[in-house]
Amino acid sequence: MSLQEQFDKAAADVKNLKSLPSDNDLLELYGYFKQATVGDADPAKAPGFFDLRGKAKFEAWSKHKGLSKEDAQKAYIAKVESLIASIGLQ
């Protein structure tokens, strides 16, 4: 199975977890996913000061600046696998 296929499967699997992961886990997943699918976050498009949710998501994404698409995909897959191991699938 190619890396892209593994990534796509992990993205589908995360939607079928038995329970919702913690906010920190969700932010980590978001950051890896955005880095893998979009690339580096653009600071010019950062959300406003009062958009706390958007700001948290943007910061989670920005932490991975410079990470290659492949490395971000691998990290995302590893995170999903660890969540499946701890939470389980439906």
Foldseek 3Di string as FASTA:
>chain_A
DDLVVLLVVLVVQQVFFPDHDDPVLVLLLLLLVCCLPPNADDPVPQDDPPPVVSNSSNVSNNVCHPPHNSRSSVVNSVSSVVSCVVGNGD
